[in-house]
PDB file of N, CA and C in Angstrom:
ATOM      1  N   MET A   1       6.525 -10.666   7.139  1.00  0.00           N
ATOM      2  CA  MET A   1       5.172 -10.254   6.845  1.00  0.00           C
ATOM      3  C   MET A   1       4.868  -9.340   8.008  1.00  0.00           C
ATOM      4  N   LYS A   2       4.731  -8.040   7.760  1.00  0.00           N
ATOM      5  CA  LYS A   2       4.569  -7.022   8.749  1.00  0.00           C
ATOM      6  C   LYS A   2       3.172  -6.540   8.594  1.00  0.00           C
ATOM      7  N   THR A   3       2.522  -6.378   9.795  1.00  0.00           N
ATOM      8  CA  THR A   3       1.089  -5.928   9.820  1.00  0.00           C
ATOM      9  C   THR A   3       1.183  -4.605  10.626  1.00  0.00           C
ATOM     10  N   ASP A   4      -0.063  -3.691  10.454  1.00  0.00           N
ATOM     11  CA  ASP A   4      -0.053  -2.587  11.221  1.00  0.00           C
ATOM     12  C   ASP A   4      -0.650  -2.856  12.592  1.00  0.00           C
ATOM     13  N   ARG A   5      -1.319  -3.985  12.746  1.00  0.00           N
ATOM     14  CA  ARG A   5      -1.941  -4.275  14.030  1.00  0.00           C
ATOM     15  C   ARG A   5      -0.944  -4.939  14.947  1.00  0.00           C
ATOM     16  N   PRO A   6      -1.058  -4.601  16.361  1.00  0.00           N
ATOM     17  CA  PRO A   6      -0.215  -5.121  17.262  1.00  0.00           C
ATOM     18  C   PRO A   6      -0.603  -6.668  17.431  1.00  0.00           C
ATOM     19  N   ALA A   7       0.381  -7.477  17.986  1.00  0.00           N
ATOM     20  CA  ALA A   7       0.123  -8.857  18.309  1.00  0.00           C
ATOM     21  C   ALA A   7      -0.915  -8.893  19.288  1.00  0.00           C
ATOM     22  N   VAL A   8      -1.871  -9.863  19.241  1.00  0.00           N
ATOM     23  CA  VAL A   8      -2.868 -10.128  20.264  1.00  0.00           C
ATOM     24  C   VAL A   8      -2.275 -11.180  21.153  1.00  0.00           C
ATOM     25  N   LEU A   9      -2.087 -10.815  22.415  1.00  0.00           N
ATOM     26  CA  LEU A   9      -1.526 -11.813  23.398  1.00  0.00           C
ATOM     27  C   LEU A   9      -2.668 -12.408  24.261  1.00  0.00           C
ATOM     28  N   VAL A  10      -2.487 -13.710  24.505  1.00  0.00           N
ATOM     29  CA  VAL A  10      -3.465 -14.379  25.382  1.00  0.00           C
ATOM     30  C   VAL A  10      -2.746 -14.930  26.631  1.00  0.00           C
ATOM     31  N   ASN A  11      -3.382 -14.592  27.832  1.00  0.00           N
ATOM     32  CA  ASN A  11      -2.839 -15.113  29.053  1.00  0.00           C
ATOM     33  C   ASN A  11      -3.043 -16.583  29.126  1.00  0.00           C
ATOM     34  N   ILE A  12      -1.997 -17.330  29.408  1.00  0.00           N
ATOM     35  CA  ILE A  12      -1.918 -18.834  29.602  1.00  0.00           C
ATOM     36  C   ILE A  12      -1.721 -19.169  31.060  1.00  0.00           C
ATOM     37  N   GLY A  13      -1.687 -18.204  31.915  1.00  0.00           N
ATOM     38  CA  GLY A  13      -1.638 -18.426  33.353  1.00  0.00           C
ATOM     39  C   GLY A  13      -0.292 -17.970  33.831  1.00  0.00           C
ATOM     40  N   PHE A  14      -0.425 -17.406  35.218  1.00  0.00           N
ATOM     41  CA  PHE A  14       0.647 -17.038  35.864  1.00  0.00           C
ATOM     42  C   PHE A  14       1.402 -15.810  35.226  1.00  0.00           C
ATOM     43  N   GLY A  15       0.671 -15.075  34.561  1.00  0.00           N
ATOM     44  CA  GLY A  15       1.391 -13.861  33.773  1.00  0.00           C
ATOM     45  C   GLY A  15       2.105 -14.192  32.569  1.00  0.00           C
ATOM     46  N   ASN A  16       1.886 -15.586  32.118  1.00  0.00           N
ATOM     47  CA  ASN A  16       2.606 -15.860  30.861  1.00  0.00           C
ATOM     48  C   ASN A  16       1.527 -15.578  29.685  1.00  0.00           C
ATOM     49  N   VAL A  17       2.043 -15.102  28.581  1.00  0.00           N
ATOM     50  CA  VAL A  17       1.246 -14.955  27.390  1.00  0.00           C
ATOM     51  C   VAL A  17       1.806 -15.556  26.284  1.00  0.00           C
ATOM     52  N   VAL A  18       0.951 -15.796  25.177  1.00  0.00           N
ATOM     53  CA  VAL A  18       1.358 -16.311  23.869  1.00  0.00           C
ATOM     54  C   VAL A  18       0.601 -15.449  22.787  1.00  0.00           C
ATOM     55  N   ALA A  19       1.176 -15.378  21.702  1.00  0.00           N
ATOM     56  CA  ALA A  19       0.649 -14.675  20.551  1.00  0.00           C
ATOM     57  C   ALA A  19      -0.505 -15.500  19.953  1.00  0.00           C
ATOM     58  N   ALA A  20      -1.761 -14.980  20.019  1.00  0.00           N
ATOM     59  CA  ALA A  20      -2.803 -15.728  19.475  1.00  0.00           C
ATOM     60  C   ALA A  20      -2.765 -16.200  18.183  1.00  0.00           C
ATOM     61  N   SER A  21      -2.026 -15.346  17.329  1.00  0.00           N
ATOM     62  CA  SER A  21      -1.972 -15.636  15.886  1.00  0.00           C
ATOM     63  C   SER A  21      -1.029 -16.879  15.677  1.00  0.00           C
ATOM     64  N   ARG A  22      -0.238 -17.236  16.726  1.00  0.00           N
ATOM     65  CA  ARG A  22       0.736 -18.285  16.487  1.00  0.00           C
ATOM     66  C   ARG A  22       0.225 -19.784  16.923  1.00  0.00           C
ATOM     67  N   VAL A  23      -0.902 -19.677  17.614  1.00  0.00           N
ATOM     68  CA  VAL A  23      -1.396 -20.952  18.204  1.00  0.00           C
ATOM     69  C   VAL A  23      -2.190 -21.778  17.184  1.00  0.00           C
ATOM     70  N   VAL A  24      -1.706 -23.092  17.034  1.00  0.00           N
ATOM     71  CA  VAL A  24      -2.357 -23.961  16.119  1.00  0.00           C
ATOM     72  C   VAL A  24      -3.269 -24.756  16.741  1.00  0.00           C
ATOM     73  N   ALA A  25      -2.987 -25.394  18.022  1.00  0.00           N
ATOM     74  CA  ALA A  25      -3.880 -26.213  18.813  1.00  0.00           C
ATOM     75  C   ALA A  25      -3.789 -26.033  20.207  1.00  0.00           C
ATOM     76  N   VAL A  26      -4.703 -26.390  21.024  1.00  0.00           N
ATOM     77  CA  VAL A  26      -4.702 -26.441  22.428  1.00  0.00           C
ATOM     78  C   VAL A  26      -5.312 -27.765  22.784  1.00  0.00           C
ATOM     79  N   VAL A  27      -4.553 -28.668  23.397  1.00  0.00           N
ATOM     80  CA  VAL A  27      -5.061 -30.059  23.626  1.00  0.00           C
ATOM     81  C   VAL A  27      -4.771 -30.420  25.047  1.00  0.00           C
ATOM     82  N   THR A  28      -5.514 -31.426  25.599  1.00  0.00           N
ATOM     83  CA  THR A  28      -5.268 -31.865  26.923  1.00  0.00           C
ATOM     84  C   THR A  28      -4.083 -32.940  26.889  1.00  0.00           C
ATOM     85  N   PRO A  29      -3.427 -33.073  28.016  1.00  0.00           N
ATOM     86  CA  PRO A  29      -2.204 -33.905  27.917  1.00  0.00           C
ATOM     87  C   PRO A  29      -2.288 -35.358  28.159  1.00  0.00           C
ATOM     88  N   GLY A  30      -3.534 -35.945  28.232  1.00  0.00           N
ATOM     89  CA  GLY A  30      -3.711 -37.260  28.627  1.00  0.00           C
ATOM     90  C   GLY A  30      -3.344 -38.330  27.644  1.00  0.00           C
ATOM     91  N   SER A  31      -3.473 -38.100  26.312  1.00  0.00           N
ATOM     92  CA  SER A  31      -3.260 -39.287  25.375  1.00  0.00           C
ATOM     93  C   SER A  31      -1.840 -39.619  25.182  1.00  0.00           C
ATOM     94  N   ALA A  32      -1.671 -40.790  24.762  1.00  0.00           N
ATOM     95  CA  ALA A  32      -0.241 -41.205  24.376  1.00  0.00           C
ATOM     96  C   ALA A  32       0.373 -40.431  23.366  1.00  0.00           C
ATOM     97  N   PRO A  33      -0.191 -40.094  22.285  1.00  0.00           N
ATOM     98  CA  PRO A  33       0.390 -39.349  21.144  1.00  0.00           C
ATOM     99  C   PRO A  33       0.764 -38.049  21.728  1.00  0.00           C
ATOM    100  N   ILE A  34      -0.007 -37.305  22.453  1.00  0.00           N
ATOM    101  CA  ILE A  34       0.259 -36.049  22.951  1.00  0.00           C
ATOM    102  C   ILE A  34       1.509 -36.198  23.969  1.00  0.00           C
ATOM    103  N   ARG A  35       1.665 -37.190  24.749  1.00  0.00           N
ATOM    104  CA  ARG A  35       2.822 -37.465  25.632  1.00  0.00           C
ATOM    105  C   ARG A  35       4.051 -37.580  24.775  1.00  0.00           C
ATOM    106  N   ARG A  36       3.932 -38.325  23.698  1.00  0.00           N
ATOM    107  CA  ARG A  36       5.085 -38.487  22.738  1.00  0.00           C
ATOM    108  C   ARG A  36       5.545 -37.177  22.139  1.00  0.00           C
ATOM    109  N   LEU A  37       4.431 -36.299  21.656  1.00  0.00           N
ATOM    110  CA  LEU A  37       4.766 -34.978  21.148  1.00  0.00           C
ATOM    111  C   LEU A  37       5.486 -34.162  22.148  1.00  0.00           C
ATOM    112  N   ARG A  38       5.082 -34.181  23.363  1.00  0.00           N
ATOM    113  CA  ARG A  38       5.718 -33.418  24.477  1.00  0.00           C
ATOM    114  C   ARG A  38       7.223 -33.896  24.711  1.00  0.00           C
ATOM    115  N   GLU A  39       7.347 -35.264  24.732  1.00  0.00           N
ATOM    116  CA  GLU A  39       8.733 -35.825  24.781  1.00  0.00           C
ATOM    117  C   GLU A  39       9.717 -35.400  23.690  1.00  0.00           C
ATOM    118  N   GLU A  40       9.135 -35.412  22.638  1.00  0.00           N
ATOM    119  CA  GLU A  40       9.965 -35.027  21.320  1.00  0.00           C
ATOM    120  C   GLU A  40      10.295 -33.735  21.331  1.00  0.00           C
ATOM    121  N   ALA A  41       9.325 -32.666  21.737  1.00  0.00           N
ATOM    122  CA  ALA A  41       9.613 -31.292  21.801  1.00  0.00           C
ATOM    123  C   ALA A  41      10.747 -31.013  22.884  1.00  0.00           C
ATOM    124  N   ARG A  42      10.697 -31.772  23.945  1.00  0.00           N
ATOM    125  CA  ARG A  42      11.660 -31.594  25.015  1.00  0.00           C
ATOM    126  C   ARG A  42      13.077 -31.955  24.352  1.00  0.00           C
ATOM    127  N   GLN A  43      13.138 -33.040  23.683  1.00  0.00           N
ATOM    128  CA  GLN A  43      14.507 -33.585  23.094  1.00  0.00           C
ATOM    129  C   GLN A  43      14.990 -32.392  22.080  1.00  0.00           C
ATOM    130  N   ARG A  44      14.117 -31.806  21.353  1.00  0.00           N
ATOM    131  CA  ARG A  44      14.526 -30.904  20.231  1.00  0.00           C
ATOM    132  C   ARG A  44      14.683 -29.440  20.902  1.00  0.00           C
ATOM    133  N   GLY A  45      14.416 -29.275  22.160  1.00  0.00           N
ATOM    134  CA  GLY A  45      14.557 -27.961  22.690  1.00  0.00           C
ATOM    135  C   GLY A  45      13.508 -27.053  22.509  1.00  0.00           C
ATOM    136  N   LYS A  46      12.331 -27.577  22.091  1.00  0.00           N
ATOM    137  CA  LYS A  46      11.178 -26.705  21.725  1.00  0.00           C
ATOM    138  C   LYS A  46      10.032 -26.721  22.825  1.00  0.00           C
ATOM    139  N   LEU A  47      10.397 -27.304  24.039  1.00  0.00           N
ATOM    140  CA  LEU A  47       9.376 -27.262  24.977  1.00  0.00           C
ATOM    141  C   LEU A  47       9.443 -26.145  25.862  1.00  0.00           C
ATOM    142  N   ILE A  48       8.335 -25.387  26.217  1.00  0.00           N
ATOM    143  CA  ILE A  48       8.288 -24.303  27.105  1.00  0.00           C
ATOM    144  C   ILE A  48       7.392 -24.618  28.168  1.00  0.00           C
ATOM    145  N   ASP A  49       7.859 -24.644  29.409  1.00  0.00           N
ATOM    146  CA  ASP A  49       7.021 -25.034  30.532  1.00  0.00           C
ATOM    147  C   ASP A  49       6.528 -23.796  31.220  1.00  0.00           C
ATOM    148  N   ALA A  50       5.257 -23.401  31.125  1.00  0.00           N
ATOM    149  CA  ALA A  50       4.667 -22.232  31.700  1.00  0.00           C
ATOM    150  C   ALA A  50       3.801 -22.606  32.961  1.00  0.00           C
ATOM    151  N   THR A  51       4.010 -23.643  33.498  1.00  0.00           N
ATOM    152  CA  THR A  51       3.047 -24.198  34.577  1.00  0.00           C
ATOM    153  C   THR A  51       3.425 -23.704  35.870  1.00  0.00           C
ATOM    154  N   GLU A  52       4.638 -23.080  36.068  1.00  0.00           N
ATOM    155  CA  GLU A  52       5.038 -22.585  37.378  1.00  0.00           C
ATOM    156  C   GLU A  52       5.125 -23.681  38.393  1.00  0.00           C
ATOM    157  N   GLY A  53       5.519 -24.907  37.953  1.00  0.00           N
ATOM    158  CA  GLY A  53       5.574 -26.054  38.909  1.00  0.00           C
ATOM    159  C   GLY A  53       4.319 -26.673  39.248  1.00  0.00           C
ATOM    160  N   ARG A  54       3.113 -26.292  38.611  1.00  0.00           N
ATOM    161  CA  ARG A  54       1.822 -26.849  38.808  1.00  0.00           C
ATOM    162  C   ARG A  54       1.611 -28.015  37.857  1.00  0.00           C
ATOM    163  N   ARG A  55       0.411 -28.700  37.876  1.00  0.00           N
ATOM    164  CA  ARG A  55       0.183 -29.875  37.071  1.00  0.00           C
ATOM    165  C   ARG A  55      -0.066 -29.224  35.747  1.00  0.00           C
ATOM    166  N   THR A  56       0.389 -29.952  34.751  1.00  0.00           N
ATOM    167  CA  THR A  56       0.057 -29.503  33.306  1.00  0.00           C
ATOM    168  C   THR A  56      -1.446 -29.950  33.001  1.00  0.00           C
ATOM    169  N   ARG A  57      -2.289 -29.020  32.622  1.00  0.00           N
ATOM    170  CA  ARG A  57      -3.674 -29.270  32.253  1.00  0.00           C
ATOM    171  C   ARG A  57      -3.977 -28.984  30.814  1.00  0.00           C
ATOM    172  N   SER A  58      -3.163 -28.303  30.083  1.00  0.00           N
ATOM    173  CA  SER A  58      -3.255 -28.202  28.638  1.00  0.00           C
ATOM    174  C   SER A  58      -1.851 -28.076  28.039  1.00  0.00           C
ATOM    175  N   ILE A  59      -1.892 -28.372  26.747  1.00  0.00           N
ATOM    176  CA  ILE A  59      -0.721 -28.240  25.853  1.00  0.00           C
ATOM    177  C   ILE A  59      -0.955 -27.300  24.737  1.00  0.00           C
ATOM    178  N   ILE A  60      -0.262 -26.402  24.497  1.00  0.00           N
ATOM    179  CA  ILE A  60      -0.452 -25.439  23.358  1.00  0.00           C
ATOM    180  C   ILE A  60       0.538 -25.683  22.254  1.00  0.00           C
ATOM    181  N   ILE A  61       0.200 -25.973  21.105  1.00  0.00           N
ATOM    182  CA  ILE A  61       1.061 -26.111  20.034  1.00  0.00           C
ATOM    183  C   ILE A  61       1.067 -24.921  19.102  1.00  0.00           C
ATOM    184  N   THR A  62       2.244 -24.428  18.698  1.00  0.00           N
ATOM    185  CA  THR A  62       2.376 -23.205  17.881  1.00  0.00           C
ATOM    186  C   THR A  62       2.818 -23.529  16.578  1.00  0.00           C
ATOM    187  N   ASP A  63       2.680 -22.556  15.621  1.00  0.00           N
ATOM    188  CA  ASP A  63       3.111 -22.838  14.196  1.00  0.00           C
ATOM    189  C   ASP A  63       4.582 -22.875  14.096  1.00  0.00           C
ATOM    190  N   SER A  64       5.404 -22.483  15.147  1.00  0.00           N
ATOM    191  CA  SER A  64       6.822 -22.505  15.063  1.00  0.00           C
ATOM    192  C   SER A  64       7.299 -23.887  15.646  1.00  0.00           C
ATOM    193  N   ASP A  65       6.400 -24.782  15.795  1.00  0.00           N
ATOM    194  CA  ASP A  65       6.694 -26.150  16.290  1.00  0.00           C
ATOM    195  C   ASP A  65       7.142 -26.193  17.853  1.00  0.00           C
ATOM    196  N   HIS A  66       6.824 -25.041  18.476  1.00  0.00           N
ATOM    197  CA  HIS A  66       7.054 -25.073  19.952  1.00  0.00           C
ATOM    198  C   HIS A  66       5.770 -25.662  20.714  1.00  0.00           C
ATOM    199  N   VAL A  67       6.096 -26.354  21.749  1.00  0.00           N
ATOM    200  CA  VAL A  67       5.066 -26.919  22.588  1.00  0.00           C
ATOM    201  C   VAL A  67       5.117 -26.228  23.978  1.00  0.00           C
ATOM    202  N   ILE A  68       3.996 -25.679  24.301  1.00  0.00           N
ATOM    203  CA  ILE A  68       3.940 -25.005  25.594  1.00  0.00           C
ATOM    204  C   ILE A  68       3.039 -25.619  26.544  1.00  0.00           C
ATOM    205  N   LEU A  69       3.559 -25.834  27.798  1.00  0.00           N
ATOM    206  CA  LEU A  69       2.657 -26.481  28.816  1.00  0.00           C
ATOM    207  C   LEU A  69       2.028 -25.407  29.673  1.00  0.00           C
ATOM    208  N   SER A  70       0.861 -25.542  30.039  1.00  0.00           N
ATOM    209  CA  SER A  70       0.020 -24.674  30.853  1.00  0.00           C
ATOM    210  C   SER A  70      -0.638 -25.296  31.913  1.00  0.00           C
ATOM    211  N   ALA A  71      -0.805 -24.628  33.080  1.00  0.00           N
ATOM    212  CA  ALA A  71      -1.523 -25.133  34.155  1.00  0.00           C
ATOM    213  C   ALA A  71      -3.073 -24.788  34.017  1.00  0.00           C
ATOM    214  N   LEU A  72      -3.494 -24.135  33.091  1.00  0.00           N
ATOM    215  CA  LEU A  72      -4.912 -23.758  32.833  1.00  0.00           C
ATOM    216  C   LEU A  72      -5.639 -24.859  32.063  1.00  0.00           C
ATOM    217  N   GLN A  73      -6.826 -25.083  32.204  1.00  0.00           N
ATOM    218  CA  GLN A  73      -7.697 -26.054  31.392  1.00  0.00           C
ATOM    219  C   GLN A  73      -7.725 -25.659  29.947  1.00  0.00           C
ATOM    220  N   ALA A  74      -7.630 -26.578  29.095  1.00  0.00           N
ATOM    221  CA  ALA A  74      -7.687 -26.263  27.726  1.00  0.00           C
ATOM    222  C   ALA A  74      -8.982 -25.490  27.298  1.00  0.00           C
ATOM    223  N   GLU A  75     -10.096 -25.767  28.006  1.00  0.00           N
ATOM    224  CA  GLU A  75     -11.223 -25.030  27.765  1.00  0.00           C
ATOM    225  C   GLU A  75     -11.083 -23.561  28.132  1.00  0.00           C
ATOM    226  N   THR A  76     -10.427 -23.228  29.183  1.00  0.00           N
ATOM    227  CA  THR A  76     -10.199 -21.774  29.539  1.00  0.00           C
ATOM    228  C   THR A  76      -9.386 -21.075  28.496  1.00  0.00           C
ATOM    229  N   ILE A  77      -8.257 -21.695  28.014  1.00  0.00           N
ATOM    230  CA  ILE A  77      -7.445 -21.096  26.995  1.00  0.00           C
ATOM    231  C   ILE A  77      -8.247 -20.872  25.676  1.00  0.00           C
ATOM    232  N   THR A  78      -9.004 -21.961  25.352  1.00  0.00           N
ATOM    233  CA  THR A  78      -9.859 -21.695  24.186  1.00  0.00           C
ATOM    234  C   THR A  78     -10.923 -20.644  24.169  1.00  0.00           C
ATOM    235  N   GLN A  79     -11.433 -20.485  25.473  1.00  0.00           N
ATOM    236  CA  GLN A  79     -12.378 -19.434  25.530  1.00  0.00           C
ATOM    237  C   GLN A  79     -11.725 -18.081  25.289  1.00  0.00           C
ATOM    238  N   ARG A  80     -10.531 -18.030  25.871  1.00  0.00           N
ATOM    239  CA  ARG A  80      -9.771 -16.791  25.793  1.00  0.00           C
ATOM    240  C   ARG A  80      -9.362 -16.477  24.292  1.00  0.00           C
ATOM    241  N   LEU A  81      -8.946 -17.459  23.634  1.00  0.00           N
ATOM    242  CA  LEU A  81      -8.599 -17.227  22.319  1.00  0.00           C
ATOM    243  C   LEU A  81      -9.791 -16.976  21.405  1.00  0.00           C
ATOM    244  N   SER A  82     -10.948 -17.545  21.694  1.00  0.00           N
ATOM    245  CA  SER A  82     -12.208 -17.339  21.004  1.00  0.00           C
ATOM    246  C   SER A  82     -12.649 -15.900  21.326  1.00  0.00           C
ATOM    247  N   GLY A  83     -12.498 -15.419  22.415  1.00  0.00           N
ATOM    248  CA  GLY A  83     -12.924 -14.036  22.826  1.00  0.00           C
ATOM    249  C   GLY A  83     -12.072 -13.080  22.111  1.00  0.00           C
ATOM    250  N   ARG A  84     -10.749 -13.285  21.928  1.00  0.00           N
ATOM    251  CA  ARG A  84      -9.876 -12.419  21.185  1.00  0.00           C
ATOM    252  C   ARG A  84     -10.198 -12.271  19.736  1.00  0.00           C
ATOM    253  N   ALA A  85     -10.603 -13.634  19.156  1.00  0.00           N
ATOM    254  CA  ALA A  85     -10.921 -13.695  17.682  1.00  0.00           C
ATOM    255  C   ALA A  85     -12.241 -12.914  17.471  1.00  0.00           C
ATOM    256  N   ALA A  86     -13.195 -12.992  18.349  1.00  0.00           N
ATOM    257  CA  ALA A  86     -14.431 -12.283  18.226  1.00  0.00           C
ATOM    258  C   ALA A  86     -14.264 -10.802  18.374  1.00  0.00           C
ATOM    259  N   GLN A  87     -13.327 -10.420  19.188  1.00  0.00           N
ATOM    260  CA  GLN A  87     -12.942  -8.970  19.454  1.00  0.00           C
ATOM    261  C   GLN A  87     -12.235  -8.453  18.341  1.00  0.00           C
ATOM    262  N   GLU A  88     -11.448  -9.222  17.575  1.00  0.00           N
ATOM    263  CA  GLU A  88     -10.754  -8.793  16.402  1.00  0.00           C
ATOM    264  C   GLU A  88     -11.762  -8.535  15.199  1.00  0.00           C
ATOM    265  N   ASP A  89     -12.792  -9.454  15.096  1.00  0.00           N
ATOM    266  CA  ASP A  89     -13.697  -9.524  14.077  1.00  0.00           C
ATOM    267  C   ASP A  89     -14.609  -8.246  14.210  1.00  0.00           C
ATOM    268  N   ALA A  90     -14.885  -7.760  15.355  1.00  0.00           N
ATOM    269  CA  ALA A  90     -15.723  -6.602  15.658  1.00  0.00           C
ATOM    270  C   ALA A  90     -14.976  -5.317  15.274  1.00  0.00           C
ATOM    271  N   GLU A  91     -13.618  -5.340  15.275  1.00  0.00           N
ATOM    272  CA  GLU A  91     -12.780  -4.259  14.836  1.00  0.00           C
ATOM    273  C   GLU A  91     -12.708  -3.861  13.446  1.00  0.00           C
TER     274      GLU A  91
END
């Protein structure tokens, strides 16, 4: 599926970016089901740690079943994703 528009990348902290179109969910890491999801992703080799050694404050789930750890708050990432979506709608 090829499109003419370039991929929109969202900064998830420390110079790390993720393609906005691939993000399914941004969640906080506190609940037991999310901790299980994180551990299962680690076992499958689908966990990406983008925290640079800092505390995990949000977890990003992608459509490719990858789980990405970020040191940014979930609200911050959500705002960045929403800003990109609004920008795309305006174009």
